[in-house]
N, C-alpha and C. Protein backbone atom coordinates (compact mmCIF):
# COMPACT_ATOMS: atom_id res chain seq x y z
N MET A 1 0.84 -1.20 0.00
CA MET A 1 0.00 0.00 0.00
C MET A 1 0.87 1.26 0.00
N LYS A 2 1.94 1.23 0.82
CA LYS A 2 2.86 2.36 0.90
C LYS A 2 3.53 2.62 -0.43
N THR A 3 3.86 1.51 -1.12
CA THR A 3 4.50 1.64 -2.44
C THR A 3 3.56 2.30 -3.45
N ILE A 4 2.29 1.91 -3.42
CA ILE A 4 1.31 2.49 -4.34
C ILE A 4 1.14 3.98 -4.08
N VAL A 5 1.02 4.36 -2.81
CA VAL A 5 0.87 5.77 -2.45
C VAL A 5 2.08 6.57 -2.90
N THR A 6 3.28 6.01 -2.67
CA THR A 6 4.52 6.70 -3.08
C THR A 6 4.56 6.89 -4.58
N SER A 7 4.15 5.85 -5.34
CA SER A 7 4.14 5.94 -6.80
C SER A 7 3.17 7.01 -7.28
N LEU A 8 1.97 7.05 -6.66
CA LEU A 8 0.99 8.06 -7.04
C LEU A 8 1.50 9.47 -6.78
N LEU A 9 2.17 9.66 -5.64
CA LEU A 9 2.73 10.97 -5.32
C LEU A 9 3.79 11.39 -6.32
N ILE A 10 4.63 10.45 -6.74
CA ILE A 10 5.67 10.75 -7.74
C ILE A 10 5.04 11.14 -9.07
N MET A 11 4.02 10.36 -9.51
CA MET A 11 3.35 10.66 -10.78
C MET A 11 2.66 12.01 -10.74
N LEU A 12 2.00 12.34 -9.59
CA LEU A 12 1.33 13.62 -9.45
C LEU A 12 2.32 14.77 -9.51
N THR A 13 3.47 14.61 -8.87
CA THR A 13 4.49 15.66 -8.88
C THR A 13 5.02 15.89 -10.28
N MET A 14 5.27 14.78 -11.02
CA MET A 14 5.76 14.90 -12.40
C MET A 14 4.72 15.58 -13.29
N GLY A 15 3.43 15.22 -13.11
CA GLY A 15 2.37 15.82 -13.92
C GLY A 15 2.24 17.31 -13.69
N LEU A 16 2.33 17.73 -12.41
CA LEU A 16 2.26 19.15 -12.10
C LEU A 16 3.44 19.90 -12.69
N GLY A 17 4.60 19.26 -12.69
CA GLY A 17 5.78 19.91 -13.28
C GLY A 17 5.63 20.12 -14.76
N VAL A 18 5.11 19.10 -15.48
CA VAL A 18 4.91 19.22 -16.92
C VAL A 18 3.87 20.29 -17.24
N PHE A 19 2.77 20.30 -16.46
CA PHE A 19 1.71 21.30 -16.67
C PHE A 19 2.24 22.72 -16.46
N ALA A 20 3.04 22.91 -15.41
CA ALA A 20 3.59 24.23 -15.13
C ALA A 20 4.52 24.68 -16.24
N GLN A 21 5.30 23.72 -16.77
CA GLN A 21 6.22 24.05 -17.84
C GLN A 21 5.48 24.45 -19.11
N GLU A 22 4.40 23.73 -19.44
CA GLU A 22 3.65 24.01 -20.65
C GLU A 22 2.82 25.28 -20.55
N SER A 23 2.41 25.65 -19.31
CA SER A 23 1.56 26.82 -19.15
C SER A 23 2.33 28.13 -19.18
N GLN A 24 3.69 28.08 -19.07
CA GLN A 24 4.47 29.29 -19.12
C GLN A 24 4.51 29.84 -20.53
N PRO A 25 4.48 31.18 -20.70
CA PRO A 25 4.51 31.77 -22.04
C PRO A 25 5.82 31.50 -22.74
N ASP A 26 5.76 31.36 -24.03
CA ASP A 26 6.94 31.11 -24.85
C ASP A 26 7.65 32.42 -25.11
N THR A 27 8.76 32.65 -24.37
CA THR A 27 9.50 33.90 -24.51
C THR A 27 10.44 33.88 -25.70
N ASN A 28 10.60 32.73 -26.36
CA ASN A 28 11.48 32.63 -27.52
C ASN A 28 10.67 32.45 -28.78
N TYR A 29 9.55 33.13 -28.89
CA TYR A 29 8.69 33.03 -30.07
C TYR A 29 9.46 33.47 -31.31
N GLU A 30 9.47 32.66 -32.33
CA GLU A 30 10.13 32.99 -33.58
C GLU A 30 9.25 32.56 -34.74
N PRO A 31 8.89 33.50 -35.63
CA PRO A 31 8.15 33.09 -36.81
C PRO A 31 9.03 32.21 -37.69
N ARG A 32 8.46 31.17 -38.25
CA ARG A 32 9.21 30.26 -39.10
C ARG A 32 9.34 30.80 -40.51
N THR A 33 10.49 30.62 -41.10
CA THR A 33 10.74 31.06 -42.46
C THR A 33 11.17 29.87 -43.30
N LEU A 34 11.22 30.08 -44.61
CA LEU A 34 11.70 29.02 -45.50
C LEU A 34 13.21 28.86 -45.39
N ILE A 35 13.92 29.95 -45.06
CA ILE A 35 15.37 29.91 -44.91
C ILE A 35 15.72 30.69 -43.66
N GLY A 36 15.96 30.02 -42.53
CA GLY A 36 16.33 30.70 -41.30
C GLY A 36 15.12 31.19 -40.53
N ASN A 37 15.39 31.92 -39.41
CA ASN A 37 14.33 32.42 -38.55
C ASN A 37 14.50 33.90 -38.25
N SER A 38 13.44 34.53 -37.75
CA SER A 38 13.47 35.95 -37.40
C SER A 38 13.08 36.12 -35.94
N PRO A 39 14.03 36.36 -35.02
CA PRO A 39 13.72 36.38 -33.59
C PRO A 39 13.17 37.70 -33.06
N SER A 40 13.28 38.79 -33.80
CA SER A 40 12.91 40.09 -33.26
C SER A 40 11.40 40.26 -33.15
N SER A 41 10.93 40.96 -32.09
CA SER A 41 9.52 41.25 -31.94
C SER A 41 9.19 42.68 -32.33
N LEU A 42 10.18 43.50 -32.62
CA LEU A 42 9.99 44.87 -33.07
C LEU A 42 10.93 45.13 -34.23
N GLY A 43 10.36 45.44 -35.37
CA GLY A 43 11.19 45.64 -36.55
C GLY A 43 10.55 46.60 -37.52
N GLY A 44 10.90 46.44 -38.77
CA GLY A 44 10.35 47.28 -39.81
C GLY A 44 10.79 46.79 -41.16
N TYR A 45 10.20 47.35 -42.21
CA TYR A 45 10.56 46.91 -43.55
C TYR A 45 10.33 48.00 -44.58
N ILE A 46 10.98 47.84 -45.70
CA ILE A 46 10.71 48.63 -46.89
C ILE A 46 10.31 47.66 -47.98
N SER A 47 9.30 48.00 -48.76
CA SER A 47 8.81 47.07 -49.78
C SER A 47 8.65 47.77 -51.12
N PHE A 48 8.78 46.98 -52.17
CA PHE A 48 8.60 47.46 -53.54
C PHE A 48 7.69 46.48 -54.26
N ALA A 49 6.70 47.01 -54.98
CA ALA A 49 5.73 46.15 -55.66
C ALA A 49 5.35 46.77 -57.00
N MET A 50 4.95 45.91 -57.92
CA MET A 50 4.44 46.35 -59.21
C MET A 50 3.20 45.53 -59.54
N GLY A 51 2.33 46.13 -60.36
CA GLY A 51 1.12 45.41 -60.71
C GLY A 51 0.27 46.18 -61.69
N ASN A 52 -1.02 45.87 -61.67
CA ASN A 52 -1.98 46.48 -62.58
C ASN A 52 -3.13 47.06 -61.77
N THR A 53 -3.59 48.24 -62.18
CA THR A 53 -4.72 48.86 -61.51
C THR A 53 -5.77 49.25 -62.53
N ALA A 54 -7.04 49.10 -62.17
CA ALA A 54 -8.15 49.42 -63.07
C ALA A 54 -8.56 50.87 -62.89
N LEU A 55 -8.79 51.57 -64.03
CA LEU A 55 -9.18 52.98 -64.03
C LEU A 55 -10.42 53.16 -64.89
N LYS A 56 -11.55 52.76 -64.40
CA LYS A 56 -12.83 52.94 -65.08
C LYS A 56 -12.77 52.49 -66.54
N GLY A 57 -12.55 51.22 -66.72
CA GLY A 57 -12.49 50.67 -68.07
C GLY A 57 -11.12 50.65 -68.69
N HIS A 58 -10.14 51.29 -68.05
CA HIS A 58 -8.77 51.30 -68.54
C HIS A 58 -7.90 50.49 -67.56
N ASN A 59 -6.76 50.06 -68.04
CA ASN A 59 -5.79 49.38 -67.18
C ASN A 59 -4.49 50.16 -67.21
N ALA A 60 -3.83 50.25 -66.05
CA ALA A 60 -2.59 51.01 -65.94
C ALA A 60 -1.55 50.23 -65.15
N LEU A 61 -0.30 50.43 -65.54
CA LEU A 61 0.81 49.87 -64.78
C LEU A 61 1.00 50.68 -63.51
N MET A 62 1.22 50.00 -62.39
CA MET A 62 1.40 50.70 -61.12
C MET A 62 2.67 50.23 -60.43
N GLY A 63 3.28 51.15 -59.69
CA GLY A 63 4.42 50.84 -58.85
C GLY A 63 4.17 51.37 -57.45
N GLN A 64 4.58 50.61 -56.46
CA GLN A 64 4.26 50.97 -55.07
C GLN A 64 5.47 50.79 -54.17
N MET A 65 5.61 51.68 -53.19
CA MET A 65 6.66 51.55 -52.17
C MET A 65 6.05 51.79 -50.79
N ARG A 66 6.50 51.01 -49.83
CA ARG A 66 6.06 51.18 -48.44
C ARG A 66 7.26 51.26 -47.51
N LEU A 67 7.08 52.01 -46.44
CA LEU A 67 8.05 52.07 -45.35
C LEU A 67 7.26 51.92 -44.06
N ALA A 68 7.55 50.84 -43.31
CA ALA A 68 6.68 50.51 -42.18
C ALA A 68 7.47 49.99 -41.00
N ALA A 69 6.87 50.13 -39.82
CA ALA A 69 7.34 49.48 -38.60
C ALA A 69 6.45 48.29 -38.34
N ARG A 70 7.04 47.17 -37.97
CA ARG A 70 6.25 45.97 -37.64
C ARG A 70 6.40 45.68 -36.15
N ILE A 71 5.27 45.56 -35.49
CA ILE A 71 5.22 45.40 -34.04
C ILE A 71 4.74 44.00 -33.69
N ASP A 72 5.54 43.32 -32.85
CA ASP A 72 5.17 41.99 -32.34
C ASP A 72 4.85 41.01 -33.47
N HIS A 73 5.52 41.14 -34.59
CA HIS A 73 5.38 40.25 -35.75
C HIS A 73 4.02 40.30 -36.43
N SER A 74 3.02 40.92 -35.82
CA SER A 74 1.66 40.75 -36.30
C SER A 74 0.92 42.04 -36.64
N PHE A 75 1.63 43.17 -36.62
CA PHE A 75 0.96 44.44 -36.94
C PHE A 75 1.97 45.42 -37.48
N SER A 76 1.64 46.04 -38.63
CA SER A 76 2.53 47.02 -39.25
C SER A 76 1.80 48.36 -39.37
N ILE A 77 2.58 49.43 -39.31
CA ILE A 77 2.05 50.76 -39.53
C ILE A 77 3.13 51.57 -40.23
N GLY A 78 2.73 52.38 -41.22
CA GLY A 78 3.73 53.13 -41.96
C GLY A 78 3.12 54.03 -43.01
N VAL A 79 3.97 54.39 -43.97
CA VAL A 79 3.56 55.27 -45.07
C VAL A 79 3.76 54.53 -46.39
N THR A 80 2.98 54.92 -47.39
CA THR A 80 3.05 54.25 -48.68
C THR A 80 2.81 55.24 -49.80
N GLY A 81 3.36 54.95 -50.96
CA GLY A 81 3.14 55.78 -52.15
C GLY A 81 2.98 54.91 -53.38
N THR A 82 2.09 55.30 -54.27
CA THR A 82 1.80 54.53 -55.49
C THR A 82 1.74 55.47 -56.69
N GLY A 83 2.37 55.07 -57.77
CA GLY A 83 2.28 55.80 -59.02
C GLY A 83 1.70 54.90 -60.10
N PHE A 84 1.03 55.48 -61.09
CA PHE A 84 0.39 54.67 -62.13
C PHE A 84 0.39 55.41 -63.46
N SER A 85 0.39 54.66 -64.55
CA SER A 85 0.32 55.22 -65.89
C SER A 85 -0.15 54.14 -66.85
N ASP A 86 -0.97 54.53 -67.82
CA ASP A 86 -1.46 53.56 -68.81
C ASP A 86 -0.79 53.75 -70.17
N PHE A 87 0.41 54.36 -70.19
CA PHE A 87 1.07 54.64 -71.46
C PHE A 87 1.44 53.37 -72.22
N LEU A 88 1.67 52.26 -71.51
CA LEU A 88 2.00 51.01 -72.19
C LEU A 88 0.82 50.47 -73.00
N HIS A 89 -0.39 50.86 -72.64
CA HIS A 89 -1.57 50.38 -73.34
C HIS A 89 -1.94 51.26 -74.54
N GLY A 90 -1.20 52.36 -74.74
CA GLY A 90 -1.48 53.23 -75.86
C GLY A 90 -2.46 54.33 -75.53
N LEU A 91 -2.69 55.21 -76.50
CA LEU A 91 -3.58 56.35 -76.31
C LEU A 91 -5.04 55.92 -76.15
N ASN A 92 -5.78 56.70 -75.37
CA ASN A 92 -7.21 56.49 -75.17
C ASN A 92 -7.98 57.50 -76.03
N TYR A 93 -9.01 57.00 -76.71
CA TYR A 93 -9.78 57.86 -77.61
C TYR A 93 -11.27 57.89 -77.25
N ASP A 94 -11.60 57.61 -75.97
CA ASP A 94 -12.99 57.58 -75.58
C ASP A 94 -13.52 58.95 -75.13
N ARG A 95 -12.74 60.02 -75.26
CA ARG A 95 -13.18 61.39 -74.97
C ARG A 95 -13.02 62.24 -76.23
N LYS A 96 -13.61 61.79 -77.31
CA LYS A 96 -13.40 62.42 -78.61
C LYS A 96 -13.93 63.84 -78.68
N THR A 97 -14.95 64.15 -77.87
CA THR A 97 -15.53 65.50 -77.92
C THR A 97 -14.53 66.55 -77.44
N ASN A 98 -13.84 66.27 -76.32
CA ASN A 98 -12.93 67.26 -75.73
C ASN A 98 -11.46 66.96 -75.99
N ILE A 99 -11.11 65.67 -76.19
CA ILE A 99 -9.71 65.31 -76.42
C ILE A 99 -9.66 64.40 -77.65
N PRO A 100 -9.85 64.93 -78.83
CA PRO A 100 -9.93 64.10 -80.03
C PRO A 100 -8.62 63.42 -80.41
N ASP A 101 -7.49 63.98 -79.99
CA ASP A 101 -6.19 63.42 -80.39
C ASP A 101 -5.72 62.31 -79.46
N GLY A 102 -6.51 61.94 -78.46
CA GLY A 102 -6.13 60.87 -77.54
C GLY A 102 -5.37 61.38 -76.32
N TYR A 103 -5.33 60.57 -75.30
CA TYR A 103 -4.71 60.98 -74.04
C TYR A 103 -4.24 59.76 -73.27
N TYR A 104 -3.42 60.01 -72.25
CA TYR A 104 -3.00 58.99 -71.28
C TYR A 104 -3.58 59.34 -69.91
N ILE A 105 -3.70 58.33 -69.06
CA ILE A 105 -4.13 58.55 -67.66
C ILE A 105 -2.93 58.24 -66.77
N GLU A 106 -2.51 59.22 -65.98
CA GLU A 106 -1.35 59.06 -65.11
C GLU A 106 -1.59 59.76 -63.79
N GLY A 107 -0.80 59.42 -62.79
CA GLY A 107 -0.94 60.07 -61.50
C GLY A 107 -0.32 59.27 -60.38
N GLY A 108 -0.75 59.58 -59.18
CA GLY A 108 -0.24 58.88 -58.02
C GLY A 108 -0.98 59.27 -56.76
N TYR A 109 -0.74 58.51 -55.71
CA TYR A 109 -1.35 58.80 -54.41
C TYR A 109 -0.51 58.20 -53.31
N GLY A 110 -0.71 58.68 -52.12
CA GLY A 110 0.03 58.17 -50.97
C GLY A 110 -0.71 58.47 -49.69
N GLY A 111 -0.20 57.90 -48.60
CA GLY A 111 -0.84 58.12 -47.31
C GLY A 111 -0.27 57.20 -46.25
N ILE A 112 -1.02 57.02 -45.20
CA ILE A 112 -0.63 56.13 -44.11
C ILE A 112 -1.40 54.82 -44.24
N PHE A 113 -0.81 53.75 -43.70
CA PHE A 113 -1.51 52.47 -43.76
C PHE A 113 -1.23 51.67 -42.49
N ILE A 114 -2.18 50.80 -42.18
CA ILE A 114 -2.01 49.81 -41.12
C ILE A 114 -2.14 48.44 -41.76
N GLU A 115 -1.52 47.44 -41.13
CA GLU A 115 -1.48 46.11 -41.74
C GLU A 115 -1.49 45.01 -40.67
N PRO A 116 -2.65 44.55 -40.24
CA PRO A 116 -2.69 43.36 -39.38
C PRO A 116 -2.19 42.14 -40.15
N VAL A 117 -1.46 41.29 -39.45
CA VAL A 117 -0.88 40.08 -40.06
C VAL A 117 -1.44 38.87 -39.34
N PHE A 118 -2.05 37.97 -40.08
CA PHE A 118 -2.67 36.79 -39.50
C PHE A 118 -1.70 35.60 -39.53
N ALA A 119 -1.45 34.98 -38.36
CA ALA A 119 -0.58 33.80 -38.23
C ALA A 119 0.81 34.05 -38.82
N PRO A 120 1.54 35.10 -38.36
CA PRO A 120 2.84 35.42 -38.95
C PRO A 120 3.91 34.36 -38.71
N HIS A 121 3.69 33.44 -37.74
CA HIS A 121 4.69 32.41 -37.46
C HIS A 121 4.70 31.31 -38.50
N PHE A 122 3.69 31.28 -39.39
CA PHE A 122 3.69 30.31 -40.47
C PHE A 122 4.49 30.86 -41.65
N PRO A 123 5.20 30.00 -42.38
CA PRO A 123 5.99 30.49 -43.52
C PRO A 123 5.15 31.17 -44.59
N VAL A 124 3.90 30.75 -44.73
CA VAL A 124 2.98 31.37 -45.69
C VAL A 124 1.74 31.81 -44.92
N HIS A 125 1.40 33.10 -45.00
CA HIS A 125 0.29 33.62 -44.22
C HIS A 125 -0.32 34.84 -44.94
N PHE A 126 -1.30 35.47 -44.31
CA PHE A 126 -2.01 36.59 -44.93
C PHE A 126 -1.85 37.85 -44.09
N SER A 127 -1.86 39.00 -44.78
CA SER A 127 -1.92 40.29 -44.13
C SER A 127 -3.06 41.09 -44.76
N PHE A 128 -3.52 42.11 -44.03
CA PHE A 128 -4.70 42.87 -44.47
C PHE A 128 -4.41 44.37 -44.39
N PRO A 129 -3.68 44.91 -45.39
CA PRO A 129 -3.35 46.34 -45.37
C PRO A 129 -4.57 47.23 -45.64
N LEU A 130 -4.60 48.37 -44.98
CA LEU A 130 -5.64 49.38 -45.19
C LEU A 130 -4.96 50.73 -45.28
N MET A 131 -5.11 51.41 -46.43
CA MET A 131 -4.46 52.69 -46.68
C MET A 131 -5.48 53.81 -46.76
N VAL A 132 -5.14 54.96 -46.16
CA VAL A 132 -5.96 56.17 -46.25
C VAL A 132 -5.05 57.30 -46.68
N GLY A 133 -5.42 58.01 -47.74
CA GLY A 133 -4.55 59.08 -48.21
C GLY A 133 -5.20 59.95 -49.26
N ALA A 134 -4.36 60.55 -50.10
CA ALA A 134 -4.81 61.47 -51.14
C ALA A 134 -3.86 61.41 -52.32
N GLY A 135 -4.33 61.92 -53.45
CA GLY A 135 -3.49 61.90 -54.64
C GLY A 135 -4.06 62.78 -55.73
N ALA A 136 -3.53 62.59 -56.93
CA ALA A 136 -3.99 63.36 -58.09
C ALA A 136 -3.92 62.47 -59.32
N VAL A 137 -4.86 62.68 -60.24
CA VAL A 137 -4.90 61.95 -61.50
C VAL A 137 -4.85 62.98 -62.63
N MET A 138 -4.11 62.65 -63.69
CA MET A 138 -3.92 63.59 -64.80
C MET A 138 -4.29 62.93 -66.12
N LEU A 139 -4.82 63.73 -67.01
CA LEU A 139 -4.94 63.35 -68.41
C LEU A 139 -3.81 64.06 -69.15
N THR A 140 -2.95 63.30 -69.83
CA THR A 140 -1.77 63.88 -70.46
C THR A 140 -1.73 63.54 -71.95
N GLU A 141 -0.86 64.26 -72.66
CA GLU A 141 -0.67 64.01 -74.08
C GLU A 141 0.79 64.25 -74.44
N ASP A 142 1.23 63.69 -75.54
CA ASP A 142 2.59 63.90 -76.03
C ASP A 142 2.62 65.10 -76.96
N MET A 143 3.58 65.98 -76.73
CA MET A 143 3.80 67.13 -77.59
C MET A 143 5.11 66.93 -78.34
N TYR A 144 5.05 66.94 -79.65
CA TYR A 144 6.23 66.68 -80.46
C TYR A 144 6.78 67.99 -81.03
N GLY A 145 8.09 68.04 -81.15
CA GLY A 145 8.75 69.20 -81.75
C GLY A 145 10.12 68.82 -82.27
N TYR A 146 10.67 69.65 -83.11
CA TYR A 146 11.98 69.36 -83.70
C TYR A 146 13.05 70.17 -82.97
N ASN A 147 14.06 69.46 -82.48
CA ASN A 147 15.19 70.09 -81.80
C ASN A 147 16.28 70.37 -82.83
N TRP A 148 16.45 71.63 -83.18
CA TRP A 148 17.42 71.97 -84.21
C TRP A 148 18.85 71.81 -83.74
N ASN A 149 19.05 71.82 -82.42
CA ASN A 149 20.42 71.63 -81.91
C ASN A 149 20.88 70.19 -82.05
N ASP A 150 19.97 69.25 -81.79
CA ASP A 150 20.32 67.83 -81.90
C ASP A 150 19.89 67.22 -83.22
N TRP A 151 19.20 67.99 -84.03
CA TRP A 151 18.74 67.52 -85.33
C TRP A 151 17.88 66.26 -85.21
N GLU A 152 16.91 66.32 -84.31
CA GLU A 152 16.01 65.18 -84.14
C GLU A 152 14.70 65.66 -83.52
N TYR A 153 13.66 64.83 -83.73
CA TYR A 153 12.37 65.12 -83.11
C TYR A 153 12.38 64.69 -81.65
N GLN A 154 11.74 65.47 -80.80
CA GLN A 154 11.64 65.16 -79.38
C GLN A 154 10.19 65.30 -78.94
N SER A 155 9.85 64.57 -77.90
CA SER A 155 8.48 64.63 -77.37
C SER A 155 8.51 64.93 -75.89
N ASP A 156 7.55 65.69 -75.46
CA ASP A 156 7.37 66.02 -74.04
C ASP A 156 5.94 65.70 -73.65
N ARG A 157 5.78 65.18 -72.42
CA ARG A 157 4.46 64.88 -71.92
C ARG A 157 3.88 66.14 -71.27
N SER A 158 2.74 66.58 -71.72
CA SER A 158 2.09 67.77 -71.15
C SER A 158 0.77 67.37 -70.51
N VAL A 159 0.37 68.12 -69.51
CA VAL A 159 -0.85 67.84 -68.75
C VAL A 159 -2.02 68.57 -69.39
N ILE A 160 -3.04 67.82 -69.76
CA ILE A 160 -4.27 68.40 -70.29
C ILE A 160 -5.16 68.87 -69.16
N GLU A 161 -5.28 68.01 -68.14
CA GLU A 161 -6.16 68.32 -67.01
C GLU A 161 -5.71 67.50 -65.82
N ILE A 162 -5.89 68.03 -64.63
CA ILE A 162 -5.49 67.35 -63.40
C ILE A 162 -6.57 67.55 -62.34
N ALA A 163 -6.76 66.52 -61.51
CA ALA A 163 -7.77 66.60 -60.45
C ALA A 163 -7.28 65.86 -59.21
N PRO A 164 -7.49 66.43 -58.02
CA PRO A 164 -7.11 65.76 -56.78
C PRO A 164 -8.21 64.81 -56.32
N PHE A 165 -7.85 63.91 -55.41
CA PHE A 165 -8.84 63.00 -54.83
C PHE A 165 -8.35 62.51 -53.49
N VAL A 166 -9.28 62.05 -52.67
CA VAL A 166 -8.95 61.33 -51.44
C VAL A 166 -9.29 59.87 -51.67
N ILE A 167 -8.57 58.99 -50.98
CA ILE A 167 -8.70 57.57 -51.29
C ILE A 167 -8.62 56.73 -50.03
N VAL A 168 -9.40 55.65 -50.02
CA VAL A 168 -9.32 54.58 -49.02
C VAL A 168 -9.13 53.28 -49.80
N GLU A 169 -8.10 52.51 -49.43
CA GLU A 169 -7.78 51.30 -50.20
C GLU A 169 -7.53 50.11 -49.27
N PRO A 170 -8.55 49.28 -49.03
CA PRO A 170 -8.34 48.04 -48.28
C PRO A 170 -7.84 46.95 -49.21
N GLY A 171 -7.14 45.98 -48.63
CA GLY A 171 -6.63 44.89 -49.44
C GLY A 171 -6.30 43.66 -48.62
N VAL A 172 -5.89 42.62 -49.32
CA VAL A 172 -5.42 41.39 -48.69
C VAL A 172 -4.19 40.91 -49.44
N GLU A 173 -3.20 40.45 -48.71
CA GLU A 173 -1.94 40.01 -49.32
C GLU A 173 -1.52 38.64 -48.80
N LEU A 174 -0.99 37.85 -49.69
CA LEU A 174 -0.34 36.59 -49.33
C LEU A 174 1.13 36.90 -49.10
N GLU A 175 1.63 36.56 -47.92
CA GLU A 175 3.01 36.88 -47.56
C GLU A 175 3.80 35.59 -47.34
N ILE A 176 4.97 35.51 -47.94
CA ILE A 176 5.82 34.32 -47.85
C ILE A 176 7.12 34.68 -47.14
N ASN A 177 7.41 34.01 -46.04
CA ASN A 177 8.65 34.23 -45.30
C ASN A 177 9.78 33.50 -46.01
N LEU A 178 10.37 34.14 -47.00
CA LEU A 178 11.41 33.49 -47.79
C LEU A 178 12.69 33.29 -46.99
N ALA A 179 13.12 34.31 -46.29
CA ALA A 179 14.34 34.24 -45.47
C ALA A 179 14.17 35.18 -44.29
N ARG A 180 15.21 35.28 -43.46
CA ARG A 180 15.10 36.06 -42.23
C ARG A 180 14.76 37.51 -42.50
N TYR A 181 15.34 38.09 -43.53
CA TYR A 181 15.12 39.50 -43.82
C TYR A 181 14.40 39.73 -45.15
N VAL A 182 13.86 38.70 -45.72
CA VAL A 182 13.24 38.82 -47.05
C VAL A 182 11.87 38.13 -47.05
N ARG A 183 10.87 38.85 -47.53
CA ARG A 183 9.54 38.26 -47.72
C ARG A 183 9.00 38.65 -49.08
N LEU A 184 8.26 37.73 -49.67
CA LEU A 184 7.59 37.98 -50.93
C LEU A 184 6.11 38.18 -50.66
N SER A 185 5.45 38.96 -51.52
CA SER A 185 4.03 39.23 -51.32
C SER A 185 3.30 39.27 -52.65
N ALA A 186 2.04 38.91 -52.59
CA ALA A 186 1.14 39.04 -53.74
C ALA A 186 -0.22 39.43 -53.18
N GLY A 187 -0.83 40.47 -53.77
CA GLY A 187 -2.05 40.95 -53.17
C GLY A 187 -3.04 41.53 -54.14
N VAL A 188 -4.22 41.80 -53.59
CA VAL A 188 -5.29 42.45 -54.34
C VAL A 188 -5.92 43.49 -53.42
N SER A 189 -6.31 44.63 -53.99
CA SER A 189 -6.92 45.69 -53.21
C SER A 189 -7.98 46.38 -54.05
N TYR A 190 -8.76 47.22 -53.40
CA TYR A 190 -9.80 47.97 -54.11
C TYR A 190 -9.72 49.43 -53.70
N LYS A 191 -9.74 50.32 -54.69
CA LYS A 191 -9.64 51.76 -54.46
C LYS A 191 -11.03 52.38 -54.39
N PHE A 192 -11.30 53.11 -53.30
CA PHE A 192 -12.51 53.92 -53.15
C PHE A 192 -12.09 55.38 -53.08
N THR A 193 -12.64 56.23 -53.97
CA THR A 193 -12.30 57.64 -53.96
C THR A 193 -13.56 58.50 -54.02
N ASN A 194 -13.37 59.78 -53.80
CA ASN A 194 -14.45 60.72 -54.02
C ASN A 194 -14.68 60.89 -55.52
N ALA A 195 -15.79 61.52 -55.89
CA ALA A 195 -16.06 61.78 -57.31
C ALA A 195 -15.05 62.78 -57.84
N ILE A 196 -14.37 62.41 -58.93
CA ILE A 196 -13.31 63.23 -59.50
C ILE A 196 -13.87 64.03 -60.67
N LYS A 197 -13.57 65.32 -60.70
CA LYS A 197 -14.06 66.17 -61.78
C LYS A 197 -13.00 66.29 -62.86
N LEU A 198 -13.22 65.65 -63.99
CA LEU A 198 -12.33 65.69 -65.14
C LEU A 198 -13.17 65.80 -66.41
N ASP A 199 -12.63 66.50 -67.39
CA ASP A 199 -13.28 66.57 -68.70
C ASP A 199 -14.72 67.06 -68.57
N ALA A 200 -14.91 68.13 -67.79
CA ALA A 200 -16.21 68.79 -67.63
C ALA A 200 -17.28 67.89 -67.01
N GLY A 201 -16.87 67.00 -66.13
CA GLY A 201 -17.86 66.16 -65.46
C GLY A 201 -17.27 65.47 -64.25
N LYS A 202 -18.14 64.87 -63.41
CA LYS A 202 -17.69 64.14 -62.24
C LYS A 202 -17.78 62.64 -62.50
N GLU A 203 -16.78 61.92 -62.04
CA GLU A 203 -16.75 60.47 -62.26
C GLU A 203 -15.90 59.80 -61.19
N HIS A 204 -16.08 58.50 -61.02
CA HIS A 204 -15.27 57.71 -60.10
C HIS A 204 -14.20 56.99 -60.91
N LEU A 205 -13.33 57.78 -61.53
CA LEU A 205 -12.32 57.24 -62.42
C LEU A 205 -11.37 56.29 -61.70
N MET A 206 -11.07 56.55 -60.43
CA MET A 206 -10.07 55.77 -59.71
C MET A 206 -10.63 54.52 -59.04
N ASN A 207 -11.94 54.40 -58.91
CA ASN A 207 -12.49 53.23 -58.25
C ASN A 207 -12.20 51.98 -59.06
N GLY A 208 -11.68 50.93 -58.41
CA GLY A 208 -11.41 49.70 -59.12
C GLY A 208 -10.39 48.83 -58.42
N LEU A 209 -10.23 47.63 -58.93
CA LEU A 209 -9.31 46.65 -58.35
C LEU A 209 -7.87 46.92 -58.76
N SER A 210 -6.96 46.54 -57.88
CA SER A 210 -5.53 46.54 -58.18
C SER A 210 -4.95 45.20 -57.74
N VAL A 211 -4.04 44.67 -58.55
CA VAL A 211 -3.31 43.45 -58.19
C VAL A 211 -1.83 43.77 -58.26
N ASN A 212 -1.04 43.17 -57.36
CA ASN A 212 0.38 43.46 -57.33
C ASN A 212 1.18 42.32 -56.75
N GLY A 213 2.44 42.31 -57.03
CA GLY A 213 3.38 41.39 -56.43
C GLY A 213 4.64 42.14 -56.08
N GLY A 214 5.29 41.77 -54.97
CA GLY A 214 6.45 42.54 -54.56
C GLY A 214 7.37 41.81 -53.61
N ILE A 215 8.33 42.57 -53.08
CA ILE A 215 9.31 42.03 -52.15
C ILE A 215 9.41 42.97 -50.95
N LYS A 216 9.57 42.41 -49.76
CA LYS A 216 9.71 43.18 -48.53
C LYS A 216 11.06 42.85 -47.92
N LEU A 217 11.80 43.90 -47.57
CA LEU A 217 13.13 43.76 -46.98
C LEU A 217 13.14 44.42 -45.62
N GLY A 218 13.53 43.67 -44.58
CA GLY A 218 13.55 44.27 -43.26
C GLY A 218 13.66 43.24 -42.14
N VAL A 219 13.31 43.68 -40.96
CA VAL A 219 13.29 42.84 -39.76
C VAL A 219 11.84 42.65 -39.37
N PHE A 220 11.36 41.42 -39.43
CA PHE A 220 9.95 41.14 -39.23
C PHE A 220 9.68 40.51 -37.86
């Protein structure tokens, strides 16, 4: 009987020790990466991305840059800027009444953003950036002339019309922990803006989807 009681006491002591060990918080939390690990809980990153954005029936090439602080691996806050142009798609001729010779749509916007990150300890996870800011969109055209000094024709881009706007852009991104200081991203977002007055009328020219892919460099 004494042996049984002693055995039970030993097992109970061991069980309490294991429970106490498991219930303590993990102070060495490290998000897992495909190559190496990232131990820091306070960091930041700079990112570069390119993609396509919709402009009321038109498509434009876009480039984006972010500078952010990342807190506790799971939340980022920072500033961002985006530029866009549809010159690769050629001239637009859908405003023949006011711009019969065709035009391009170009511009940019920037602001502050927040970015909650879901399950950052997994090598592949999601983030949900939300940007609030302002920008301007322009209708432009090429002006050609002959440079007698260089004996050649030259072209300059001139602004036909410009309009400011405010913008809110929520999105979702797939984030891949490639290495300790490198992450890849692919995302989709939607632009909401105020009504923009261009070409003698108001329109939601900037409202539409954007898709992008990029790289993030920093301490996550």
